[in-house]
Amino acid sequence: NADGQLEYVSRADDQVKLRGFRIELGEVEAVLSGLPGVSAA
């Protein structure tokens, strides 16, 4: 920024931060897709 400080904008991938937890959405999707009857998540 104009003050010479870095500003966070967003992620370039599917990682998120939620209440301090670093979560790869792909990890959750992989677990759900492995459940019986789930073809995609």
All heavy atoms as atom14 arrays in JSON, in Angstrom:
{
  "sequence": "NADGQLEYVSRADDQVKLRGFRIELGEVEAVLSGLPGVSAA",
  "atom14_mask": [
    [1, 1, 1, 1, 1, 1, 1, 1, 0, 0, 0, 0, 0, 0],
    [1, 1, 1, 1, 1, 0, 0, 0, 0, 0, 0, 0, 0, 0],
    [1, 1, 1, 1, 1, 1, 1, 1, 0, 0, 0, 0, 0, 0],
    [1, 1, 1, 1, 0, 0, 0, 0, 0, 0, 0, 0, 0, 0],
    [1, 1, 1, 1, 1, 1, 1, 1, 1, 0, 0, 0, 0, 0],
    [1, 1, 1, 1, 1, 1, 1, 1, 0, 0, 0, 0, 0, 0],
    [1, 1, 1, 1, 1, 1, 1, 1, 1, 0, 0, 0, 0, 0],
    [1, 1, 1, 1, 1, 1, 1, 1, 1, 1, 1, 1, 0, 0],
    [1, 1, 1, 1, 1, 1, 1, 0, 0, 0, 0, 0, 0, 0],
    [1, 1, 1, 1, 1, 1, 0, 0, 0, 0, 0, 0, 0, 0],
    [1, 1, 1, 1, 1, 1, 1, 1, 1, 1, 1, 0, 0, 0],
    [1, 1, 1, 1, 1, 0, 0, 0, 0, 0, 0, 0, 0, 0],
    [1, 1, 1, 1, 1, 1, 1, 1, 0, 0, 0, 0, 0, 0],
    [1, 1, 1, 1, 1, 1, 1, 1, 0, 0, 0, 0, 0, 0],
    [1, 1, 1, 1, 1, 1, 1, 1, 1, 0, 0, 0, 0, 0],
    [1, 1, 1, 1, 1, 1, 1, 0, 0, 0, 0, 0, 0, 0],
    [1, 1, 1, 1, 1, 1, 1, 1, 1, 0, 0, 0, 0, 0],
    [1, 1, 1, 1, 1, 1, 1, 1, 0, 0, 0, 0, 0, 0],
    [1, 1, 1, 1, 1, 1, 1, 1, 1, 1, 1, 0, 0, 0],
    [1, 1, 1, 1, 0, 0, 0, 0, 0, 0, 0, 0, 0, 0],
    [1, 1, 1, 1, 1, 1, 1, 1, 1, 1, 1, 0, 0, 0],
    [1, 1, 1, 1, 1, 1, 1, 1, 1, 1, 1, 0, 0, 0],
    [1, 1, 1, 1, 1, 1, 1, 1, 0, 0, 0, 0, 0, 0],
    [1, 1, 1, 1, 1, 1, 1, 1, 1, 0, 0, 0, 0, 0],
    [1, 1, 1, 1, 1, 1, 1, 1, 0, 0, 0, 0, 0, 0],
    [1, 1, 1, 1, 0, 0, 0, 0, 0, 0, 0, 0, 0, 0],
    [1, 1, 1, 1, 1, 1, 1, 1, 1, 0, 0, 0, 0, 0],
    [1, 1, 1, 1, 1, 1, 1, 0, 0, 0, 0, 0, 0, 0],
    [1, 1, 1, 1, 1, 1, 1, 1, 1, 0, 0, 0, 0, 0],
    [1, 1, 1, 1, 1, 0, 0, 0, 0, 0, 0, 0, 0, 0],
    [1, 1, 1, 1, 1, 1, 1, 0, 0, 0, 0, 0, 0, 0],
    [1, 1, 1, 1, 1, 1, 1, 1, 0, 0, 0, 0, 0, 0],
    [1, 1, 1, 1, 1, 1, 0, 0, 0, 0, 0, 0, 0, 0],
    [1, 1, 1, 1, 0, 0, 0, 0, 0, 0, 0, 0, 0, 0],
    [1, 1, 1, 1, 1, 1, 1, 1, 0, 0, 0, 0, 0, 0],
    [1, 1, 1, 1, 1, 1, 1, 0, 0, 0, 0, 0, 0, 0],
    [1, 1, 1, 1, 0, 0, 0, 0, 0, 0, 0, 0, 0, 0],
    [1, 1, 1, 1, 1, 1, 1, 0, 0, 0, 0, 0, 0, 0],
    [1, 1, 1, 1, 1, 1, 0, 0, 0, 0, 0, 0, 0, 0],
    [1, 1, 1, 1, 1, 0, 0, 0, 0, 0, 0, 0, 0, 0],
    [1, 1, 1, 1, 1, 0, 0, 0, 0, 0, 0, 0, 0, 0]
  ],
  "atom14_positions": [
    [[0.83, -1.2, 0.0], [0.0, 0.0, 0.0], [0.87, 1.26, 0.0], [2.1, 1.2, -0.01], [-1.01, -0.01, 1.17], [-0.34, 0.12, 2.53], [0.83, 0.51, 2.65], [-1.1, -0.18, 3.58], [0.0, 0.0, 0.0], [0.0, 0.0, 0.0], [0.0, 0.0, 0.0], [0.0, 0.0, 0.0], [0.0, 0.0, 0.0], [0.0, 0.0, 0.0]],
    [[0.22, 2.41, 0.02], [0.93, 3.68, -0.08], [1.84, 3.95, 1.11], [2.77, 4.76, 1.03], [-0.08, 4.82, -0.24], [0.0, 0.0, 0.0], [0.0, 0.0, 0.0], [0.0, 0.0, 0.0], [0.0, 0.0, 0.0], [0.0, 0.0, 0.0], [0.0, 0.0, 0.0], [0.0, 0.0, 0.0], [0.0, 0.0, 0.0], [0.0, 0.0, 0.0]],
    [[1.58, 3.29, 2.24], [2.4, 3.46, 3.44], [3.57, 2.48, 3.49], [4.3, 2.43, 4.48], [1.54, 3.27, 4.7], [0.47, 4.34, 4.84], [0.79, 5.52, 4.58], [-0.67, 4.01, 5.21], [0.0, 0.0, 0.0], [0.0, 0.0, 0.0], [0.0, 0.0, 0.0], [0.0, 0.0, 0.0], [0.0, 0.0, 0.0], [0.0, 0.0, 0.0]],
    [[3.73, 1.67, 2.43], [4.83, 0.71, 2.43], [4.54, -0.53, 3.25], [5.47, -1.21, 3.7], [0.0, 0.0, 0.0], [0.0, 0.0, 0.0], [0.0, 0.0, 0.0], [0.0, 0.0, 0.0], [0.0, 0.0, 0.0], [0.0, 0.0, 0.0], [0.0, 0.0, 0.0], [0.0, 0.0, 0.0], [0.0, 0.0, 0.0], [0.0, 0.0, 0.0]],
    [[3.25, -0.82, 3.47], [2.84, -1.99, 4.23], [2.15, -2.99, 3.3], [1.47, -2.6, 2.35], [1.86, -1.59, 5.35], [2.35, -0.48, 6.26], [3.48, -0.92, 7.15], [3.46, -2.02, 7.7], [4.48, -0.06, 7.32], [0.0, 0.0, 0.0], [0.0, 0.0, 0.0], [0.0, 0.0, 0.0], [0.0, 0.0, 0.0], [0.0, 0.0, 0.0]],
    [[2.32, -4.26, 3.6], [1.62, -5.29, 2.84], [0.17, -5.38, 3.28], [-0.12, -5.37, 4.49], [2.29, -6.66, 3.04], [3.54, -6.97, 2.22], [4.14, -8.28, 2.69], [3.22, -7.02, 0.73], [0.0, 0.0, 0.0], [0.0, 0.0, 0.0], [0.0, 0.0, 0.0], [0.0, 0.0, 0.0], [0.0, 0.0, 0.0], [0.0, 0.0, 0.0]],
    [[-0.72, -5.51, 2.31], [-2.14, -5.74, 2.6], [-2.54, -7.1, 2.05], [-2.22, -7.42, 0.9], [-3.02, -4.66, 1.94], [-2.85, -3.28, 2.52], [-3.75, -2.26, 1.84], [-4.23, -2.55, 0.71], [-3.98, -1.19, 2.42], [0.0, 0.0, 0.0], [0.0, 0.0, 0.0], [0.0, 0.0, 0.0], [0.0, 0.0, 0.0], [0.0, 0.0, 0.0]],
    [[-3.22, -7.88, 2.86], [-3.73, -9.18, 2.4], [-4.97, -8.95, 1.55], [-5.85, -8.16, 1.91], [-4.07, -10.06, 3.61], [-4.71, -11.38, 3.23], [-3.93, -12.47, 2.85], [-6.1, -11.54, 3.25], [-4.51, -13.68, 2.49], [-6.68, -12.74, 2.89], [-5.88, -13.81, 2.51], [-6.45, -15.0, 2.15], [0.0, 0.0, 0.0], [0.0, 0.0, 0.0]],
    [[-5.06, -9.66, 0.41], [-6.2, -9.51, -0.49], [-7.07, -10.76, -0.49], [-8.27, -10.71, -0.21], [-5.73, -9.17, -1.92], [-6.93, -9.09, -2.86], [-4.94, -7.86, -1.93], [0.0, 0.0, 0.0], [0.0, 0.0, 0.0], [0.0, 0.0, 0.0], [0.0, 0.0, 0.0], [0.0, 0.0, 0.0], [0.0, 0.0, 0.0], [0.0, 0.0, 0.0]],
    [[-6.48, -11.92, -0.81], [-7.25, -13.16, -0.88], [-6.29, -14.32, -1.08], [-5.06, -14.15, -1.1], [-8.27, -13.12, -2.03], [-7.59, -13.04, -3.28], [0.0, 0.0, 0.0], [0.0, 0.0, 0.0], [0.0, 0.0, 0.0], [0.0, 0.0, 0.0], [0.0, 0.0, 0.0], [0.0, 0.0, 0.0], [0.0, 0.0, 0.0], [0.0, 0.0, 0.0]],
    [[-6.85, -15.52, -1.28], [-6.06, -16.7, -1.59], [-6.0, -16.92, -3.1], [-6.92, -16.56, -3.83], [-6.67, -17.95, -0.94], [-6.46, -18.07, 0.54], [-5.03, -18.32, 0.92], [-4.49, -19.57, 0.38], [-3.23, -19.96, 0.57], [-2.39, -19.21, 1.26], [-2.8, -21.11, 0.05], [0.0, 0.0, 0.0], [0.0, 0.0, 0.0], [0.0, 0.0, 0.0]],
    [[-4.92, -17.57, -3.53], [-4.8, -17.93, -4.93], [-5.27, -19.37, -5.16], [-5.26, -19.85, -6.29], [-3.34, -17.8, -5.38], [0.0, 0.0, 0.0], [0.0, 0.0, 0.0], [0.0, 0.0, 0.0], [0.0, 0.0, 0.0], [0.0, 0.0, 0.0], [0.0, 0.0, 0.0], [0.0, 0.0, 0.0], [0.0, 0.0, 0.0], [0.0, 0.0, 0.0]],
    [[-5.68, -20.05, -4.09], [-6.12, -21.45, -4.22], [-7.31, -21.69, -3.31], [-8.01, -20.75, -2.93], [-4.96, -22.4, -3.9], [-4.37, -22.16, -2.5], [-5.06, -21.53, -1.66], [-3.23, -22.6, -2.25], [0.0, 0.0, 0.0], [0.0, 0.0, 0.0], [0.0, 0.0, 0.0], [0.0, 0.0, 0.0], [0.0, 0.0, 0.0], [0.0, 0.0, 0.0]],
    [[-7.55, -22.95, -2.94], [-8.74, -23.3, -2.16], [-8.48, -23.42, -0.66], [-9.26, -24.03, 0.05], [-9.33, -24.63, -2.67], [-10.01, -24.47, -4.02], [-10.45, -23.34, -4.3], [-10.07, -25.45, -4.78], [0.0, 0.0, 0.0], [0.0, 0.0, 0.0], [0.0, 0.0, 0.0], [0.0, 0.0, 0.0], [0.0, 0.0, 0.0], [0.0, 0.0, 0.0]],
    [[-7.38, -22.84, -0.2], [-7.14, -22.85, 1.25], [-7.92, -21.7, 1.9], [-8.04, -20.62, 1.32], [-5.64, -22.67, 1.55], [-5.3, -22.81, 3.03], [-3.86, -22.41, 3.32], [-3.58, -21.38, 3.92], [-2.93, -23.24, 2.86], [0.0, 0.0, 0.0], [0.0, 0.0, 0.0], [0.0, 0.0, 0.0], [0.0, 0.0, 0.0], [0.0, 0.0, 0.0]],
    [[-8.47, -21.95, 3.1], [-9.18, -20.91, 3.82], [-8.67, -20.87, 5.26], [-8.04, -21.81, 5.74], [-10.71, -21.14, 3.83], [-11.26, -21.12, 2.41], [-11.08, -22.45, 4.53], [0.0, 0.0, 0.0], [0.0, 0.0, 0.0], [0.0, 0.0, 0.0], [0.0, 0.0, 0.0], [0.0, 0.0, 0.0], [0.0, 0.0, 0.0], [0.0, 0.0, 0.0]],
    [[-8.94, -19.75, 5.93], [-8.68, -19.62, 7.36], [-10.02, -19.4, 8.04], [-10.75, -18.47, 7.7], [-7.74, -18.44, 7.65], [-6.27, -18.72, 7.36], [-5.71, -19.71, 8.36], [-4.2, -19.83, 8.26], [-3.48, -18.72, 8.88], [0.0, 0.0, 0.0], [0.0, 0.0, 0.0], [0.0, 0.0, 0.0], [0.0, 0.0, 0.0], [0.0, 0.0, 0.0]],
    [[-10.35, -20.25, 8.99], [-11.63, -20.15, 9.68], [-11.38, -20.3, 11.17], [-10.94, -21.35, 11.64], [-12.57, -21.26, 9.18], [-14.01, -21.23, 9.69], [-14.71, -19.96, 9.23], [-14.78, -22.45, 9.2], [0.0, 0.0, 0.0], [0.0, 0.0, 0.0], [0.0, 0.0, 0.0], [0.0, 0.0, 0.0], [0.0, 0.0, 0.0], [0.0, 0.0, 0.0]],
    [[-11.64, -19.21, 11.92], [-11.39, -19.18, 13.37], [-9.98, -19.65, 13.71], [-9.75, -20.34, 14.71], [-12.44, -20.01, 14.11], [-13.85, -19.44, 13.98], [-14.83, -20.1, 14.92], [-15.2, -21.43, 14.51], [-16.11, -21.7, 13.57], [-16.72, -20.7, 12.96], [-16.41, -22.94, 13.26], [0.0, 0.0, 0.0], [0.0, 0.0, 0.0], [0.0, 0.0, 0.0]],
    [[-9.03, -19.29, 12.85], [-7.64, -19.62, 13.1], [-7.2, -20.95, 12.53], [-6.01, -21.22, 12.44], [0.0, 0.0, 0.0], [0.0, 0.0, 0.0], [0.0, 0.0, 0.0], [0.0, 0.0, 0.0], [0.0, 0.0, 0.0], [0.0, 0.0, 0.0], [0.0, 0.0, 0.0], [0.0, 0.0, 0.0], [0.0, 0.0, 0.0], [0.0, 0.0, 0.0]],
    [[-8.14, -21.79, 12.14], [-7.8, -23.09, 11.53], [-7.42, -22.88, 10.07], [-8.12, -22.19, 9.34], [-8.98, -24.06, 11.61], [-9.28, -24.57, 12.99], [-10.13, -23.86, 13.82], [-8.71, -25.74, 13.45], [-10.42, -24.33, 15.1], [-8.99, -26.21, 14.72], [-9.84, -25.5, 15.55], [0.0, 0.0, 0.0], [0.0, 0.0, 0.0], [0.0, 0.0, 0.0]],
    [[-6.32, -23.48, 9.67], [-5.91, -23.45, 8.26], [-6.48, -24.7, 7.61], [-6.11, -25.82, 7.95], [-4.38, -23.43, 8.2], [-3.79, -23.63, 6.83], [-2.3, -23.43, 6.88], [-1.6, -24.09, 5.81], [-0.3, -24.04, 5.63], [0.44, -23.36, 6.47], [0.27, -24.68, 4.62], [0.0, 0.0, 0.0], [0.0, 0.0, 0.0], [0.0, 0.0, 0.0]],
    [[-7.42, -24.5, 6.69], [-8.16, -25.62, 6.12], [-8.01, -25.63, 4.61], [-8.26, -24.62, 3.94], [-9.66, -25.51, 6.48], [-9.86, -25.45, 7.99], [-10.46, -26.67, 5.88], [-11.24, -25.0, 8.41], [0.0, 0.0, 0.0], [0.0, 0.0, 0.0], [0.0, 0.0, 0.0], [0.0, 0.0, 0.0], [0.0, 0.0, 0.0], [0.0, 0.0, 0.0]],
    [[-7.59, -26.76, 4.07], [-7.62, -26.96, 2.63], [-8.99, -27.57, 2.31], [-9.32, -28.66, 2.76], [-6.51, -27.93, 2.2], [-5.1, -27.4, 2.43], [-4.62, -26.52, 1.3], [-5.42, -26.25, 0.37], [-3.45, -26.1, 1.35], [0.0, 0.0, 0.0], [0.0, 0.0, 0.0], [0.0, 0.0, 0.0], [0.0, 0.0, 0.0], [0.0, 0.0, 0.0]],
    [[-9.81, -26.84, 1.54], [-11.15, -27.33, 1.23], [-11.09, -28.69, 0.54], [-11.97, -29.53, 0.71], [-11.88, -26.32, 0.34], [-12.11, -24.93, 0.99], [-12.87, -24.03, 0.02], [-12.86, -25.05, 2.31], [0.0, 0.0, 0.0], [0.0, 0.0, 0.0], [0.0, 0.0, 0.0], [0.0, 0.0, 0.0], [0.0, 0.0, 0.0], [0.0, 0.0, 0.0]],
    [[-10.02, -28.92, -0.21], [-9.85, -30.2, -0.9], [-9.76, -31.37, 0.05], [-10.19, -32.49, -0.27], [0.0, 0.0, 0.0], [0.0, 0.0, 0.0], [0.0, 0.0, 0.0], [0.0, 0.0, 0.0], [0.0, 0.0, 0.0], [0.0, 0.0, 0.0], [0.0, 0.0, 0.0], [0.0, 0.0, 0.0], [0.0, 0.0, 0.0], [0.0, 0.0, 0.0]],
    [[-9.18, -31.14, 1.25], [-9.08, -32.23, 2.22], [-10.47, -32.64, 2.71], [-10.8, -33.83, 2.81], [-8.2, -31.83, 3.41], [-8.09, -32.94, 4.44], [-7.15, -32.63, 5.57], [-6.47, -31.59, 5.54], [-7.09, -33.44, 6.52], [0.0, 0.0, 0.0], [0.0, 0.0, 0.0], [0.0, 0.0, 0.0], [0.0, 0.0, 0.0], [0.0, 0.0, 0.0]],
    [[-11.32, -31.64, 2.99], [-12.67, -31.93, 3.46], [-13.48, -32.59, 2.34], [-14.21, -33.56, 2.56], [-13.37, -30.64, 3.93], [-14.72, -30.96, 4.55], [-12.49, -29.9, 4.94], [0.0, 0.0, 0.0], [0.0, 0.0, 0.0], [0.0, 0.0, 0.0], [0.0, 0.0, 0.0], [0.0, 0.0, 0.0], [0.0, 0.0, 0.0], [0.0, 0.0, 0.0]],
    [[-13.32, -32.08, 1.13], [-14.04, -32.65, -0.01], [-13.63, -34.1, -0.26], [-14.46, -34.95, -0.59], [-13.78, -31.8, -1.26], [-14.46, -30.43, -1.19], [-14.0, -29.48, -2.27], [-13.01, -29.79, -2.97], [-14.61, -28.41, -2.42], [0.0, 0.0, 0.0], [0.0, 0.0, 0.0], [0.0, 0.0, 0.0], [0.0, 0.0, 0.0], [0.0, 0.0, 0.0]],
    [[-12.34, -34.4, -0.07], [-11.86, -35.76, -0.28], [-12.49, -36.73, 0.71], [-12.86, -37.85, 0.37], [-10.33, -35.8, -0.17], [0.0, 0.0, 0.0], [0.0, 0.0, 0.0], [0.0, 0.0, 0.0], [0.0, 0.0, 0.0], [0.0, 0.0, 0.0], [0.0, 0.0, 0.0], [0.0, 0.0, 0.0], [0.0, 0.0, 0.0], [0.0, 0.0, 0.0]],
    [[-12.63, -36.29, 1.97], [-13.25, -37.14, 2.99], [-14.72, -37.37, 2.67], [-15.23, -38.5, 2.72], [-13.09, -36.51, 4.39], [-13.89, -37.3, 5.43], [-11.62, -36.47, 4.79], [0.0, 0.0, 0.0], [0.0, 0.0, 0.0], [0.0, 0.0, 0.0], [0.0, 0.0, 0.0], [0.0, 0.0, 0.0], [0.0, 0.0, 0.0], [0.0, 0.0, 0.0]],
    [[-15.42, -36.28, 2.3], [-16.86, -36.41, 1.99], [-17.08, -37.3, 0.77], [-18.02, -38.1, 0.72], [-17.46, -35.03, 1.76], [-17.5, -34.11, 2.99], [-17.97, -32.72, 2.6], [-18.42, -34.69, 4.06], [0.0, 0.0, 0.0], [0.0, 0.0, 0.0], [0.0, 0.0, 0.0], [0.0, 0.0, 0.0], [0.0, 0.0, 0.0], [0.0, 0.0, 0.0]],
    [[-16.21, -37.16, -0.24], [-16.37, -37.95, -1.46], [-16.14, -39.43, -1.22], [-16.55, -40.27, -2.03], [-15.4, -37.45, -2.54], [-15.71, -36.11, -2.88], [0.0, 0.0, 0.0], [0.0, 0.0, 0.0], [0.0, 0.0, 0.0], [0.0, 0.0, 0.0], [0.0, 0.0, 0.0], [0.0, 0.0, 0.0], [0.0, 0.0, 0.0], [0.0, 0.0, 0.0]],
    [[-15.49, -39.75, -0.12], [-15.25, -41.15, 0.22], [-16.39, -41.81, 0.95], [-16.35, -43.02, 1.22], [0.0, 0.0, 0.0], [0.0, 0.0, 0.0], [0.0, 0.0, 0.0], [0.0, 0.0, 0.0], [0.0, 0.0, 0.0], [0.0, 0.0, 0.0], [0.0, 0.0, 0.0], [0.0, 0.0, 0.0], [0.0, 0.0, 0.0], [0.0, 0.0, 0.0]],
    [[-17.43, -41.03, 1.29], [-18.57, -41.59, 2.01], [-19.48, -42.37, 1.06], [-19.6, -42.02, -0.12], [-19.38, -40.47, 2.68], [-18.66, -39.67, 3.77], [-19.54, -38.53, 4.25], [-18.28, -40.57, 4.94], [0.0, 0.0, 0.0], [0.0, 0.0, 0.0], [0.0, 0.0, 0.0], [0.0, 0.0, 0.0], [0.0, 0.0, 0.0], [0.0, 0.0, 0.0]],
    [[-20.14, -43.41, 1.54], [-21.08, -44.18, 0.69], [-22.17, -43.26, 0.13], [-22.75, -42.45, 0.86], [-21.67, -45.21, 1.66], [-20.66, -45.32, 2.76], [-20.06, -43.97, 2.91], [0.0, 0.0, 0.0], [0.0, 0.0, 0.0], [0.0, 0.0, 0.0], [0.0, 0.0, 0.0], [0.0, 0.0, 0.0], [0.0, 0.0, 0.0], [0.0, 0.0, 0.0]],
    [[-22.45, -43.4, -1.15], [-23.53, -42.64, -1.76], [-23.17, -41.24, -2.2], [-24.01, -40.52, -2.74], [0.0, 0.0, 0.0], [0.0, 0.0, 0.0], [0.0, 0.0, 0.0], [0.0, 0.0, 0.0], [0.0, 0.0, 0.0], [0.0, 0.0, 0.0], [0.0, 0.0, 0.0], [0.0, 0.0, 0.0], [0.0, 0.0, 0.0], [0.0, 0.0, 0.0]],
    [[-21.92, -40.8, -1.93], [-21.5, -39.45, -2.33], [-20.57, -39.58, -3.54], [-19.5, -40.16, -3.44], [-20.77, -38.72, -1.18], [-20.31, -37.33, -1.65], [-21.68, -38.59, 0.03], [0.0, 0.0, 0.0], [0.0, 0.0, 0.0], [0.0, 0.0, 0.0], [0.0, 0.0, 0.0], [0.0, 0.0, 0.0], [0.0, 0.0, 0.0], [0.0, 0.0, 0.0]],
    [[-20.99, -39.03, -4.67], [-20.17, -39.11, -5.88], [-19.31, -37.87, -6.06], [-18.26, -37.92, -6.7], [-21.05, -39.3, -7.12], [-21.95, -38.22, -7.24], [0.0, 0.0, 0.0], [0.0, 0.0, 0.0], [0.0, 0.0, 0.0], [0.0, 0.0, 0.0], [0.0, 0.0, 0.0], [0.0, 0.0, 0.0], [0.0, 0.0, 0.0], [0.0, 0.0, 0.0]],
    [[-19.73, -36.73, -5.51], [-18.96, -35.49, -5.61], [-19.34, -34.58, -4.45], [-20.45, -34.67, -3.93], [-19.22, -34.8, -6.94], [0.0, 0.0, 0.0], [0.0, 0.0, 0.0], [0.0, 0.0, 0.0], [0.0, 0.0, 0.0], [0.0, 0.0, 0.0], [0.0, 0.0, 0.0], [0.0, 0.0, 0.0], [0.0, 0.0, 0.0], [0.0, 0.0, 0.0]],
    [[-18.41, -33.72, -4.05], [-18.68, -32.81, -2.93], [-18.01, -31.47, -3.2], [-16.96, -31.4, -3.84], [-18.16, -33.4, -1.62], [0.0, 0.0, 0.0], [0.0, 0.0, 0.0], [0.0, 0.0, 0.0], [0.0, 0.0, 0.0], [0.0, 0.0, 0.0], [0.0, 0.0, 0.0], [0.0, 0.0, 0.0], [0.0, 0.0, 0.0], [0.0, 0.0, 0.0]]
  ]
}
